[in-house]
Amino acid sequence: RLRFPASVVGARGAPNVTLTYAQSIDGCLCGPITSERQLISGEDSMVMTHQFRTMHDAILIGVGTLLSDDPQLTARLVPGPSPQPVVLDSNLRTPLTSALVRSSTSNTSSE
């Protein structure tokens, strides 16, 4: 069970949640489906997103994002702690070769 300091818990006792996403000028949330990763946000936006990551305990994505982008979900562009990744994957489609699994395995093997 996660415990949150009083400063981040809302009036009803639930944690505060921040939603971030990138949207292209034509309203799309992703670029064309290709084998290459398509960035639709700028460098300033990426730094801000990584700063947000240092202020949160966890980051939630769906398995579709994991399969299409293979994200690291770290705060590598700014100093500070990285959030715990959480993947919604009800059919166990997360590849063992994904960046999240590889980084989790390398972090636990040194403990």
PDB file of N, CA and C in Angstrom:
ATOM      1  N   ARG A   1       0.841  -1.180   0.000  1.00  0.00           N
ATOM      2  CA  ARG A   1       0.000   0.000   0.000  1.00  0.00           C
ATOM      3  C   ARG A   1       0.882   1.238   0.000  1.00  0.00           C
ATOM      4  N   LEU A   2       0.576   2.170  -0.891  1.00  0.00           N
ATOM      5  CA  LEU A   2       1.327   3.426  -0.955  1.00  0.00           C
ATOM      6  C   LEU A   2       0.836   4.370   0.128  1.00  0.00           C
ATOM      7  N   ARG A   3       1.744   5.069   0.747  1.00  0.00           N
ATOM      8  CA  ARG A   3       1.385   6.083   1.742  1.00  0.00           C
ATOM      9  C   ARG A   3       1.820   7.438   1.192  1.00  0.00           C
ATOM     10  N   PHE A   4       0.922   8.391   1.261  1.00  0.00           N
ATOM     11  CA  PHE A   4       1.181   9.705   0.705  1.00  0.00           C
ATOM     12  C   PHE A   4       1.253  10.734   1.818  1.00  0.00           C
ATOM     13  N   PRO A   5       2.206  11.670   1.740  1.00  0.00           N
ATOM     14  CA  PRO A   5       2.223  12.749   2.727  1.00  0.00           C
ATOM     15  C   PRO A   5       0.968  13.599   2.604  1.00  0.00           C
ATOM     16  N   ALA A   6       0.583  14.250   3.684  1.00  0.00           N
ATOM     17  CA  ALA A   6      -0.643  15.055   3.698  1.00  0.00           C
ATOM     18  C   ALA A   6      -0.642  16.110   2.600  1.00  0.00           C
ATOM     19  N   SER A   7       0.523  16.595   2.195  1.00  0.00           N
ATOM     20  CA  SER A   7       0.592  17.657   1.189  1.00  0.00           C
ATOM     21  C   SER A   7       0.156  17.191  -0.199  1.00  0.00           C
ATOM     22  N   VAL A   8       0.138  15.875  -0.465  1.00  0.00           N
ATOM     23  CA  VAL A   8      -0.256  15.409  -1.791  1.00  0.00           C
ATOM     24  C   VAL A   8      -1.585  14.668  -1.785  1.00  0.00           C
ATOM     25  N   VAL A   9      -2.222  14.565  -0.649  1.00  0.00           N
ATOM     26  CA  VAL A   9      -3.504  13.868  -0.558  1.00  0.00           C
ATOM     27  C   VAL A   9      -4.628  14.882  -0.645  1.00  0.00           C
ATOM     28  N   GLY A  10      -5.595  14.601  -1.513  1.00  0.00           N
ATOM     29  CA  GLY A  10      -6.722  15.506  -1.695  1.00  0.00           C
ATOM     30  C   GLY A  10      -7.674  15.484  -0.509  1.00  0.00           C
ATOM     31  N   ALA A  11      -8.723  16.278  -0.600  1.00  0.00           N
ATOM     32  CA  ALA A  11      -9.684  16.431   0.496  1.00  0.00           C
ATOM     33  C   ALA A  11     -10.377  15.121   0.868  1.00  0.00           C
ATOM     34  N   ARG A  12     -10.555  14.223  -0.081  1.00  0.00           N
ATOM     35  CA  ARG A  12     -11.240  12.954   0.207  1.00  0.00           C
ATOM     36  C   ARG A  12     -10.255  11.841   0.556  1.00  0.00           C
ATOM     37  N   GLY A  13      -8.995  12.148   0.744  1.00  0.00           N
ATOM     38  CA  GLY A  13      -8.017  11.137   1.108  1.00  0.00           C
ATOM     39  C   GLY A  13      -7.389  10.412  -0.071  1.00  0.00           C
ATOM     40  N   ALA A  14      -7.725  10.799  -1.285  1.00  0.00           N
ATOM     41  CA  ALA A  14      -7.155  10.171  -2.473  1.00  0.00           C
ATOM     42  C   ALA A  14      -5.907  10.938  -2.913  1.00  0.00           C
ATOM     43  N   PRO A  15      -4.937  10.253  -3.505  1.00  0.00           N
ATOM     44  CA  PRO A  15      -3.739  10.959  -3.963  1.00  0.00           C
ATOM     45  C   PRO A  15      -4.059  11.881  -5.134  1.00  0.00           C
ATOM     46  N   ASN A  16      -3.297  12.934  -5.274  1.00  0.00           N
ATOM     47  CA  ASN A  16      -3.421  13.809  -6.434  1.00  0.00           C
ATOM     48  C   ASN A  16      -2.824  13.097  -7.639  1.00  0.00           C
ATOM     49  N   VAL A  17      -3.401  13.336  -8.810  1.00  0.00           N
ATOM     50  CA  VAL A  17      -2.971  12.699 -10.043  1.00  0.00           C
ATOM     51  C   VAL A  17      -2.698  13.789 -11.067  1.00  0.00           C
ATOM     52  N   THR A  18      -1.626  13.629 -11.822  1.00  0.00           N
ATOM     53  CA  THR A  18      -1.294  14.556 -12.899  1.00  0.00           C
ATOM     54  C   THR A  18      -1.359  13.804 -14.217  1.00  0.00           C
ATOM     55  N   LEU A  19      -2.091  14.324 -15.187  1.00  0.00           N
ATOM     56  CA  LEU A  19      -2.177  13.730 -16.511  1.00  0.00           C
ATOM     57  C   LEU A  19      -1.334  14.568 -17.457  1.00  0.00           C
ATOM     58  N   THR A  20      -0.408  13.932 -18.142  1.00  0.00           N
ATOM     59  CA  THR A  20       0.367  14.631 -19.169  1.00  0.00           C
ATOM     60  C   THR A  20       0.253  13.859 -20.472  1.00  0.00           C
ATOM     61  N   TYR A  21       0.238  14.580 -21.564  1.00  0.00           N
ATOM     62  CA  TYR A  21       0.222  13.954 -22.884  1.00  0.00           C
ATOM     63  C   TYR A  21       0.707  14.971 -23.895  1.00  0.00           C
ATOM     64  N   ALA A  22       1.124  14.476 -25.042  1.00  0.00           N
ATOM     65  CA  ALA A  22       1.530  15.349 -26.146  1.00  0.00           C
ATOM     66  C   ALA A  22       0.460  15.262 -27.228  1.00  0.00           C
ATOM     67  N   GLN A  23       0.161  16.401 -27.827  1.00  0.00           N
ATOM     68  CA  GLN A  23      -0.859  16.458 -28.866  1.00  0.00           C
ATOM     69  C   GLN A  23      -0.321  17.278 -30.020  1.00  0.00           C
ATOM     70  N   SER A  24      -0.476  16.768 -31.230  1.00  0.00           N
ATOM     71  CA  SER A  24      -0.017  17.501 -32.404  1.00  0.00           C
ATOM     72  C   SER A  24      -0.965  18.648 -32.710  1.00  0.00           C
ATOM     73  N   ILE A  25      -0.549  19.542 -33.571  1.00  0.00           N
ATOM     74  CA  ILE A  25      -1.354  20.727 -33.877  1.00  0.00           C
ATOM     75  C   ILE A  25      -2.700  20.356 -34.506  1.00  0.00           C
ATOM     76  N   ASP A  26      -2.778  19.180 -35.155  1.00  0.00           N
ATOM     77  CA  ASP A  26      -4.053  18.750 -35.746  1.00  0.00           C
ATOM     78  C   ASP A  26      -4.906  17.917 -34.788  1.00  0.00           C
ATOM     79  N   GLY A  27      -4.498  17.872 -33.509  1.00  0.00           N
ATOM     80  CA  GLY A  27      -5.297  17.203 -32.493  1.00  0.00           C
ATOM     81  C   GLY A  27      -4.995  15.734 -32.266  1.00  0.00           C
ATOM     82  N   CYS A  28      -4.007  15.186 -32.961  1.00  0.00           N
ATOM     83  CA  CYS A  28      -3.667  13.766 -32.795  1.00  0.00           C
ATOM     84  C   CYS A  28      -2.782  13.571 -31.569  1.00  0.00           C
ATOM     85  N   LEU A  29      -2.915  12.404 -30.937  1.00  0.00           N
ATOM     86  CA  LEU A  29      -2.094  12.079 -29.780  1.00  0.00           C
ATOM     87  C   LEU A  29      -0.876  11.249 -30.166  1.00  0.00           C
ATOM     88  N   CYS A  30      -0.775  10.834 -31.425  1.00  0.00           N
ATOM     89  CA  CYS A  30       0.403  10.100 -31.876  1.00  0.00           C
ATOM     90  C   CYS A  30       0.626  10.414 -33.344  1.00  0.00           C
ATOM     91  N   GLY A  31       1.822  10.126 -33.796  1.00  0.00           N
ATOM     92  CA  GLY A  31       2.145  10.319 -35.196  1.00  0.00           C
ATOM     93  C   GLY A  31       1.683   9.128 -36.015  1.00  0.00           C
ATOM     94  N   PRO A  32       2.072   9.093 -37.281  1.00  0.00           N
ATOM     95  CA  PRO A  32       1.701   7.951 -38.108  1.00  0.00           C
ATOM     96  C   PRO A  32       2.335   6.665 -37.565  1.00  0.00           C
ATOM     97  N   ILE A  33       1.644   5.544 -37.748  1.00  0.00           N
ATOM     98  CA  ILE A  33       2.149   4.265 -37.275  1.00  0.00           C
ATOM     99  C   ILE A  33       3.307   3.844 -38.178  1.00  0.00           C
ATOM    100  N   THR A  34       4.506   3.877 -37.624  1.00  0.00           N
ATOM    101  CA  THR A  34       5.710   3.462 -38.343  1.00  0.00           C
ATOM    102  C   THR A  34       6.583   2.690 -37.371  1.00  0.00           C
ATOM    103  N   SER A  35       7.685   2.176 -37.869  1.00  0.00           N
ATOM    104  CA  SER A  35       8.607   1.471 -36.988  1.00  0.00           C
ATOM    105  C   SER A  35       9.491   2.450 -36.213  1.00  0.00           C
ATOM    106  N   GLU A  36       9.466   3.721 -36.596  1.00  0.00           N
ATOM    107  CA  GLU A  36      10.258   4.739 -35.906  1.00  0.00           C
ATOM    108  C   GLU A  36       9.406   5.465 -34.878  1.00  0.00           C
ATOM    109  N   ARG A  37      10.043   5.855 -33.788  1.00  0.00           N
ATOM    110  CA  ARG A  37       9.361   6.650 -32.774  1.00  0.00           C
ATOM    111  C   ARG A  37       9.183   8.067 -33.298  1.00  0.00           C
ATOM    112  N   GLN A  38       7.985   8.593 -33.170  1.00  0.00           N
ATOM    113  CA  GLN A  38       7.677   9.934 -33.641  1.00  0.00           C
ATOM    114  C   GLN A  38       7.515  10.867 -32.443  1.00  0.00           C
ATOM    115  N   LEU A  39       8.367  11.872 -32.332  1.00  0.00           N
ATOM    116  CA  LEU A  39       8.223  12.853 -31.260  1.00  0.00           C
ATOM    117  C   LEU A  39       7.293  13.965 -31.732  1.00  0.00           C
ATOM    118  N   ILE A  40       6.272  14.257 -30.924  1.00  0.00           N
ATOM    119  CA  ILE A  40       5.351  15.327 -31.308  1.00  0.00           C
ATOM    120  C   ILE A  40       5.388  16.473 -30.303  1.00  0.00           C
ATOM    121  N   SER A  41       6.346  16.444 -29.380  1.00  0.00           N
ATOM    122  CA  SER A  41       6.507  17.564 -28.450  1.00  0.00           C
ATOM    123  C   SER A  41       7.939  18.062 -28.535  1.00  0.00           C
ATOM    124  N   GLY A  42       8.157  19.266 -28.076  1.00  0.00           N
ATOM    125  CA  GLY A  42       9.475  19.879 -28.159  1.00  0.00           C
ATOM    126  C   GLY A  42      10.344  19.575 -26.948  1.00  0.00           C
ATOM    127  N   GLU A  43      11.575  20.048 -27.004  1.00  0.00           N
ATOM    128  CA  GLU A  43      12.550  19.809 -25.934  1.00  0.00           C
ATOM    129  C   GLU A  43      12.085  20.397 -24.608  1.00  0.00           C
ATOM    130  N   ASP A  44      11.530  21.619 -24.621  1.00  0.00           N
ATOM    131  CA  ASP A  44      11.044  22.230 -23.371  1.00  0.00           C
ATOM    132  C   ASP A  44       9.952  21.378 -22.726  1.00  0.00           C
ATOM    133  N   SER A  45       9.058  20.855 -23.542  1.00  0.00           N
ATOM    134  CA  SER A  45       7.992  20.008 -23.041  1.00  0.00           C
ATOM    135  C   SER A  45       8.539  18.706 -22.458  1.00  0.00           C
ATOM    136  N   MET A  46       9.538  18.138 -23.099  1.00  0.00           N
ATOM    137  CA  MET A  46      10.150  16.900 -22.596  1.00  0.00           C
ATOM    138  C   MET A  46      10.814  17.131 -21.238  1.00  0.00           C
ATOM    139  N   VAL A  47      11.520  18.247 -21.090  1.00  0.00           N
ATOM    140  CA  VAL A  47      12.164  18.562 -19.809  1.00  0.00           C
ATOM    141  C   VAL A  47      11.107  18.760 -18.724  1.00  0.00           C
ATOM    142  N   MET A  48      10.017  19.460 -19.056  1.00  0.00           N
ATOM    143  CA  MET A  48       8.946  19.659 -18.087  1.00  0.00           C
ATOM    144  C   MET A  48       8.333  18.313 -17.669  1.00  0.00           C
ATOM    145  N   THR A  49       8.123  17.417 -18.619  1.00  0.00           N
ATOM    146  CA  THR A  49       7.576  16.095 -18.315  1.00  0.00           C
ATOM    147  C   THR A  49       8.500  15.328 -17.382  1.00  0.00           C
ATOM    148  N   HIS A  50       9.802  15.388 -17.628  1.00  0.00           N
ATOM    149  CA  HIS A  50      10.760  14.705 -16.757  1.00  0.00           C
ATOM    150  C   HIS A  50      10.800  15.345 -15.371  1.00  0.00           C
ATOM    151  N   GLN A  51      10.613  16.662 -15.305  1.00  0.00           N
ATOM    152  CA  GLN A  51      10.531  17.332 -14.003  1.00  0.00           C
ATOM    153  C   GLN A  51       9.301  16.850 -13.234  1.00  0.00           C
ATOM    154  N   PHE A  52       8.167  16.734 -13.924  1.00  0.00           N
ATOM    155  CA  PHE A  52       6.960  16.188 -13.291  1.00  0.00           C
ATOM    156  C   PHE A  52       7.221  14.790 -12.739  1.00  0.00           C
ATOM    157  N   ARG A  53       7.969  13.986 -13.484  1.00  0.00           N
ATOM    158  CA  ARG A  53       8.242  12.616 -13.039  1.00  0.00           C
ATOM    159  C   ARG A  53       8.963  12.589 -11.696  1.00  0.00           C
ATOM    160  N   THR A  54       9.843  13.557 -11.453  1.00  0.00           N
ATOM    161  CA  THR A  54      10.575  13.569 -10.179  1.00  0.00           C
ATOM    162  C   THR A  54       9.666  13.903  -9.000  1.00  0.00           C
ATOM    163  N   MET A  55       8.497  14.458  -9.276  1.00  0.00           N
ATOM    164  CA  MET A  55       7.579  14.868  -8.217  1.00  0.00           C
ATOM    165  C   MET A  55       6.490  13.843  -7.942  1.00  0.00           C
ATOM    166  N   HIS A  56       6.549  12.685  -8.601  1.00  0.00           N
ATOM    167  CA  HIS A  56       5.508  11.674  -8.458  1.00  0.00           C
ATOM    168  C   HIS A  56       6.106  10.340  -8.044  1.00  0.00           C
ATOM    169  N   ASP A  57       5.305   9.558  -7.319  1.00  0.00           N
ATOM    170  CA  ASP A  57       5.744   8.236  -6.871  1.00  0.00           C
ATOM    171  C   ASP A  57       5.661   7.194  -7.976  1.00  0.00           C
ATOM    172  N   ALA A  58       4.691   7.340  -8.875  1.00  0.00           N
ATOM    173  CA  ALA A  58       4.471   6.324  -9.901  1.00  0.00           C
ATOM    174  C   ALA A  58       4.071   6.987 -11.211  1.00  0.00           C
ATOM    175  N   ILE A  59       4.261   6.239 -12.306  1.00  0.00           N
ATOM    176  CA  ILE A  59       3.819   6.679 -13.630  1.00  0.00           C
ATOM    177  C   ILE A  59       3.079   5.510 -14.263  1.00  0.00           C
ATOM    178  N   LEU A  60       1.873   5.760 -14.765  1.00  0.00           N
ATOM    179  CA  LEU A  60       0.978   4.731 -15.273  1.00  0.00           C
ATOM    180  C   LEU A  60       0.881   4.821 -16.784  1.00  0.00           C
ATOM    181  N   ILE A  61       1.058   3.677 -17.453  1.00  0.00           N
ATOM    182  CA  ILE A  61       0.849   3.602 -18.905  1.00  0.00           C
ATOM    183  C   ILE A  61       0.071   2.334 -19.209  1.00  0.00           C
ATOM    184  N   GLY A  62      -0.514   2.283 -20.386  1.00  0.00           N
ATOM    185  CA  GLY A  62      -1.160   1.068 -20.863  1.00  0.00           C
ATOM    186  C   GLY A  62      -0.167   0.241 -21.659  1.00  0.00           C
ATOM    187  N   VAL A  63      -0.489  -1.020 -21.851  1.00  0.00           N
ATOM    188  CA  VAL A  63       0.419  -1.907 -22.569  1.00  0.00           C
ATOM    189  C   VAL A  63       0.580  -1.473 -24.029  1.00  0.00           C
ATOM    190  N   GLY A  64      -0.424  -0.807 -24.602  1.00  0.00           N
ATOM    191  CA  GLY A  64      -0.292  -0.318 -25.976  1.00  0.00           C
ATOM    192  C   GLY A  64       0.850   0.674 -26.109  1.00  0.00           C
ATOM    193  N   THR A  65       0.978   1.574 -25.138  1.00  0.00           N
ATOM    194  CA  THR A  65       2.095   2.519 -25.126  1.00  0.00           C
ATOM    195  C   THR A  65       3.408   1.781 -24.971  1.00  0.00           C
ATOM    196  N   LEU A  66       3.443   0.788 -24.098  1.00  0.00           N
ATOM    197  CA  LEU A  66       4.670   0.021 -23.898  1.00  0.00           C
ATOM    198  C   LEU A  66       5.068  -0.692 -25.186  1.00  0.00           C
ATOM    199  N   LEU A  67       4.103  -1.297 -25.867  1.00  0.00           N
ATOM    200  CA  LEU A  67       4.408  -2.038 -27.089  1.00  0.00           C
ATOM    201  C   LEU A  67       4.817  -1.128 -28.242  1.00  0.00           C
ATOM    202  N   SER A  68       4.208   0.046 -28.346  1.00  0.00           N
ATOM    203  CA  SER A  68       4.523   0.919 -29.478  1.00  0.00           C
ATOM    204  C   SER A  68       5.743   1.798 -29.243  1.00  0.00           C
ATOM    205  N   ASP A  69       5.983   2.228 -27.997  1.00  0.00           N
ATOM    206  CA  ASP A  69       7.074   3.171 -27.732  1.00  0.00           C
ATOM    207  C   ASP A  69       8.254   2.574 -26.971  1.00  0.00           C
ATOM    208  N   ASP A  70       8.064   1.476 -26.263  1.00  0.00           N
ATOM    209  CA  ASP A  70       9.088   0.887 -25.392  1.00  0.00           C
ATOM    210  C   ASP A  70       9.760   1.966 -24.534  1.00  0.00           C
ATOM    211  N   PRO A  71       8.966   2.698 -23.727  1.00  0.00           N
ATOM    212  CA  PRO A  71       9.508   3.823 -22.959  1.00  0.00           C
ATOM    213  C   PRO A  71      10.364   3.382 -21.774  1.00  0.00           C
ATOM    214  N   GLN A  72      11.253   4.281 -21.341  1.00  0.00           N
ATOM    215  CA  GLN A  72      12.056   4.047 -20.140  1.00  0.00           C
ATOM    216  C   GLN A  72      11.348   4.553 -18.887  1.00  0.00           C
ATOM    217  N   LEU A  73      10.541   5.614 -19.028  1.00  0.00           N
ATOM    218  CA  LEU A  73       9.764   6.211 -17.933  1.00  0.00           C
ATOM    219  C   LEU A  73      10.642   6.658 -16.768  1.00  0.00           C
ATOM    220  N   THR A  74      11.789   7.188 -17.071  1.00  0.00           N
ATOM    221  CA  THR A  74      12.691   7.708 -16.047  1.00  0.00           C
ATOM    222  C   THR A  74      12.728   9.228 -16.129  1.00  0.00           C
ATOM    223  N   ALA A  75      13.367   9.830 -15.157  1.00  0.00           N
ATOM    224  CA  ALA A  75      13.546  11.291 -15.133  1.00  0.00           C
ATOM    225  C   ALA A  75      14.986  11.605 -15.534  1.00  0.00           C
ATOM    226  N   ARG A  76      15.406  11.098 -16.675  1.00  0.00           N
ATOM    227  CA  ARG A  76      16.813  11.194 -17.070  1.00  0.00           C
ATOM    228  C   ARG A  76      17.235  12.581 -17.562  1.00  0.00           C
ATOM    229  N   LEU A  77      16.291  13.458 -17.879  1.00  0.00           N
ATOM    230  CA  LEU A  77      16.661  14.786 -18.386  1.00  0.00           C
ATOM    231  C   LEU A  77      16.859  15.817 -17.284  1.00  0.00           C
ATOM    232  N   VAL A  78      16.485  15.470 -16.053  1.00  0.00           N
ATOM    233  CA  VAL A  78      16.629  16.388 -14.918  1.00  0.00           C
ATOM    234  C   VAL A  78      17.101  15.591 -13.707  1.00  0.00           C
ATOM    235  N   PRO A  79      17.725  16.256 -12.743  1.00  0.00           N
ATOM    236  CA  PRO A  79      18.109  15.526 -11.530  1.00  0.00           C
ATOM    237  C   PRO A  79      16.891  15.210 -10.675  1.00  0.00           C
ATOM    238  N   GLY A  80      16.934  14.076 -10.001  1.00  0.00           N
ATOM    239  CA  GLY A  80      15.850  13.697  -9.108  1.00  0.00           C
ATOM    240  C   GLY A  80      15.473  12.239  -9.290  1.00  0.00           C
ATOM    241  N   PRO A  81      14.600  11.747  -8.406  1.00  0.00           N
ATOM    242  CA  PRO A  81      14.215  10.341  -8.462  1.00  0.00           C
ATOM    243  C   PRO A  81      13.249  10.053  -9.611  1.00  0.00           C
ATOM    244  N   SER A  82      13.334   8.851 -10.139  1.00  0.00           N
ATOM    245  CA  SER A  82      12.399   8.408 -11.168  1.00  0.00           C
ATOM    246  C   SER A  82      11.204   7.713 -10.498  1.00  0.00           C
ATOM    247  N   PRO A  83      10.021   7.854 -11.090  1.00  0.00           N
ATOM    248  CA  PRO A  83       8.837   7.216 -10.505  1.00  0.00           C
ATOM    249  C   PRO A  83       8.827   5.713 -10.761  1.00  0.00           C
ATOM    250  N   GLN A  84       8.028   4.998  -9.985  1.00  0.00           N
ATOM    251  CA  GLN A  84       7.826   3.555 -10.190  1.00  0.00           C
ATOM    252  C   GLN A  84       6.906   3.373 -11.391  1.00  0.00           C
ATOM    253  N   PRO A  85       7.346   2.661 -12.433  1.00  0.00           N
ATOM    254  CA  PRO A  85       6.451   2.434 -13.567  1.00  0.00           C
ATOM    255  C   PRO A  85       5.355   1.429 -13.219  1.00  0.00           C
ATOM    256  N   VAL A  86       4.139   1.695 -13.713  1.00  0.00           N
ATOM    257  CA  VAL A  86       3.004   0.794 -13.547  1.00  0.00           C
ATOM    258  C   VAL A  86       2.397   0.617 -14.938  1.00  0.00           C
ATOM    259  N   VAL A  87       2.286  -0.639 -15.394  1.00  0.00           N
ATOM    260  CA  VAL A  87       1.764  -0.924 -16.728  1.00  0.00           C
ATOM    261  C   VAL A  87       0.434  -1.662 -16.593  1.00  0.00           C
ATOM    262  N   LEU A  88      -0.617  -1.131 -17.230  1.00  0.00           N
ATOM    263  CA  LEU A  88      -1.908  -1.806 -17.278  1.00  0.00           C
ATOM    264  C   LEU A  88      -1.847  -2.837 -18.406  1.00  0.00           C
ATOM    265  N   ASP A  89      -1.808  -4.112 -18.046  1.00  0.00           N
ATOM    266  CA  ASP A  89      -1.610  -5.186 -19.024  1.00  0.00           C
ATOM    267  C   ASP A  89      -2.381  -6.422 -18.577  1.00  0.00           C
ATOM    268  N   SER A  90      -3.663  -6.478 -18.868  1.00  0.00           N
ATOM    269  CA  SER A  90      -4.511  -7.570 -18.386  1.00  0.00           C
ATOM    270  C   SER A  90      -4.291  -8.884 -19.123  1.00  0.00           C
ATOM    271  N   ASN A  91      -3.616  -8.850 -20.278  1.00  0.00           N
ATOM    272  CA  ASN A  91      -3.382 -10.071 -21.049  1.00  0.00           C
ATOM    273  C   ASN A  91      -1.914 -10.497 -21.071  1.00  0.00           C
ATOM    274  N   LEU A  92      -1.112  -9.916 -20.193  1.00  0.00           N
ATOM    275  CA  LEU A  92       0.310 -10.274 -20.059  1.00  0.00           C
ATOM    276  C   LEU A  92       1.058 -10.206 -21.390  1.00  0.00           C
ATOM    277  N   ARG A  93       0.929  -9.064 -22.069  1.00  0.00           N
ATOM    278  CA  ARG A  93       1.602  -8.871 -23.357  1.00  0.00           C
ATOM    279  C   ARG A  93       2.937  -8.147 -23.230  1.00  0.00           C
ATOM    280  N   THR A  94       3.325  -7.744 -22.023  1.00  0.00           N
ATOM    281  CA  THR A  94       4.579  -7.022 -21.832  1.00  0.00           C
ATOM    282  C   THR A  94       5.760  -7.918 -22.191  1.00  0.00           C
ATOM    283  N   PRO A  95       6.555  -7.537 -23.190  1.00  0.00           N
ATOM    284  CA  PRO A  95       7.703  -8.369 -23.574  1.00  0.00           C
ATOM    285  C   PRO A  95       8.793  -8.328 -22.503  1.00  0.00           C
ATOM    286  N   LEU A  96       9.419  -9.461 -22.263  1.00  0.00           N
ATOM    287  CA  LEU A  96      10.520  -9.515 -21.304  1.00  0.00           C
ATOM    288  C   LEU A  96      11.727  -8.737 -21.796  1.00  0.00           C
ATOM    289  N   THR A  97      11.726  -8.369 -23.086  1.00  0.00           N
ATOM    290  CA  THR A  97      12.822  -7.595 -23.663  1.00  0.00           C
ATOM    291  C   THR A  97      12.557  -6.086 -23.617  1.00  0.00           C
ATOM    292  N   SER A  98      11.433  -5.658 -23.042  1.00  0.00           N
ATOM    293  CA  SER A  98      11.113  -4.226 -22.995  1.00  0.00           C
ATOM    294  C   SER A  98      12.089  -3.480 -22.091  1.00  0.00           C
ATOM    295  N   ALA A  99      12.234  -2.201 -22.333  1.00  0.00           N
ATOM    296  CA  ALA A  99      13.152  -1.370 -21.535  1.00  0.00           C
ATOM    297  C   ALA A  99      12.779  -1.392 -20.059  1.00  0.00           C
ATOM    298  N   LEU A 100      11.489  -1.385 -19.751  1.00  0.00           N
ATOM    299  CA  LEU A 100      11.062  -1.400 -18.344  1.00  0.00           C
ATOM    300  C   LEU A 100      11.454  -2.694 -17.645  1.00  0.00           C
ATOM    301  N   VAL A 101      11.260  -3.823 -18.304  1.00  0.00           N
ATOM    302  CA  VAL A 101      11.621  -5.109 -17.694  1.00  0.00           C
ATOM    303  C   VAL A 101      13.133  -5.212 -17.568  1.00  0.00           C
ATOM    304  N   ARG A 102      13.853  -4.819 -18.609  1.00  0.00           N
ATOM    305  CA  ARG A 102      15.331  -4.886 -18.557  1.00  0.00           C
ATOM    306  C   ARG A 102      15.873  -4.018 -17.433  1.00  0.00           C
ATOM    307  N   SER A 103      15.350  -2.790 -17.281  1.00  0.00           N
ATOM    308  CA  SER A 103      15.873  -1.910 -16.228  1.00  0.00           C
ATOM    309  C   SER A 103      15.478  -2.421 -14.849  1.00  0.00           C
ATOM    310  N   SER A 104      14.290  -3.012 -14.721  1.00  0.00           N
ATOM    311  CA  SER A 104      13.865  -3.576 -13.446  1.00  0.00           C
ATOM    312  C   SER A 104      14.737  -4.763 -13.064  1.00  0.00           C
ATOM    313  N   THR A 105      15.057  -5.597 -14.027  1.00  0.00           N
ATOM    314  CA  THR A 105      15.895  -6.769 -13.785  1.00  0.00           C
ATOM    315  C   THR A 105      17.307  -6.340 -13.397  1.00  0.00           C
ATOM    316  N   SER A 106      17.836  -5.328 -14.080  1.00  0.00           N
ATOM    317  CA  SER A 106      19.208  -4.889 -13.753  1.00  0.00           C
ATOM    318  C   SER A 106      19.255  -4.206 -12.394  1.00  0.00           C
ATOM    319  N   ASN A 107      18.172  -3.510 -12.005  1.00  0.00           N
ATOM    320  CA  ASN A 107      18.141  -2.850 -10.687  1.00  0.00           C
ATOM    321  C   ASN A 107      18.038  -3.857  -9.550  1.00  0.00           C
ATOM    322  N   THR A 108      17.276  -4.926  -9.738  1.00  0.00           N
ATOM    323  CA  THR A 108      17.093  -5.887  -8.663  1.00  0.00           C
ATOM    324  C   THR A 108      18.254  -6.870  -8.563  1.00  0.00           C
ATOM    325  N   SER A 109      18.981  -7.074  -9.649  1.00  0.00           N
ATOM    326  CA  SER A 109      20.088  -8.024  -9.609  1.00  0.00           C
ATOM    327  C   SER A 109      21.262  -7.480  -8.820  1.00  0.00           C
ATOM    328  N   SER A 110      21.328  -6.164  -8.633  1.00  0.00           N
ATOM    329  CA  SER A 110      22.448  -5.574  -7.880  1.00  0.00           C
ATOM    330  C   SER A 110      22.131  -5.393  -6.407  1.00  0.00           C
ATOM    331  N   GLU A 111      20.879  -5.678  -5.996  1.00  0.00           N
ATOM    332  CA  GLU A 111      20.498  -5.503  -4.593  1.00  0.00           C
ATOM    333  C   GLU A 111      20.841  -6.717  -3.768  1.00  0.00           C
TER     334      GLU A 111
END
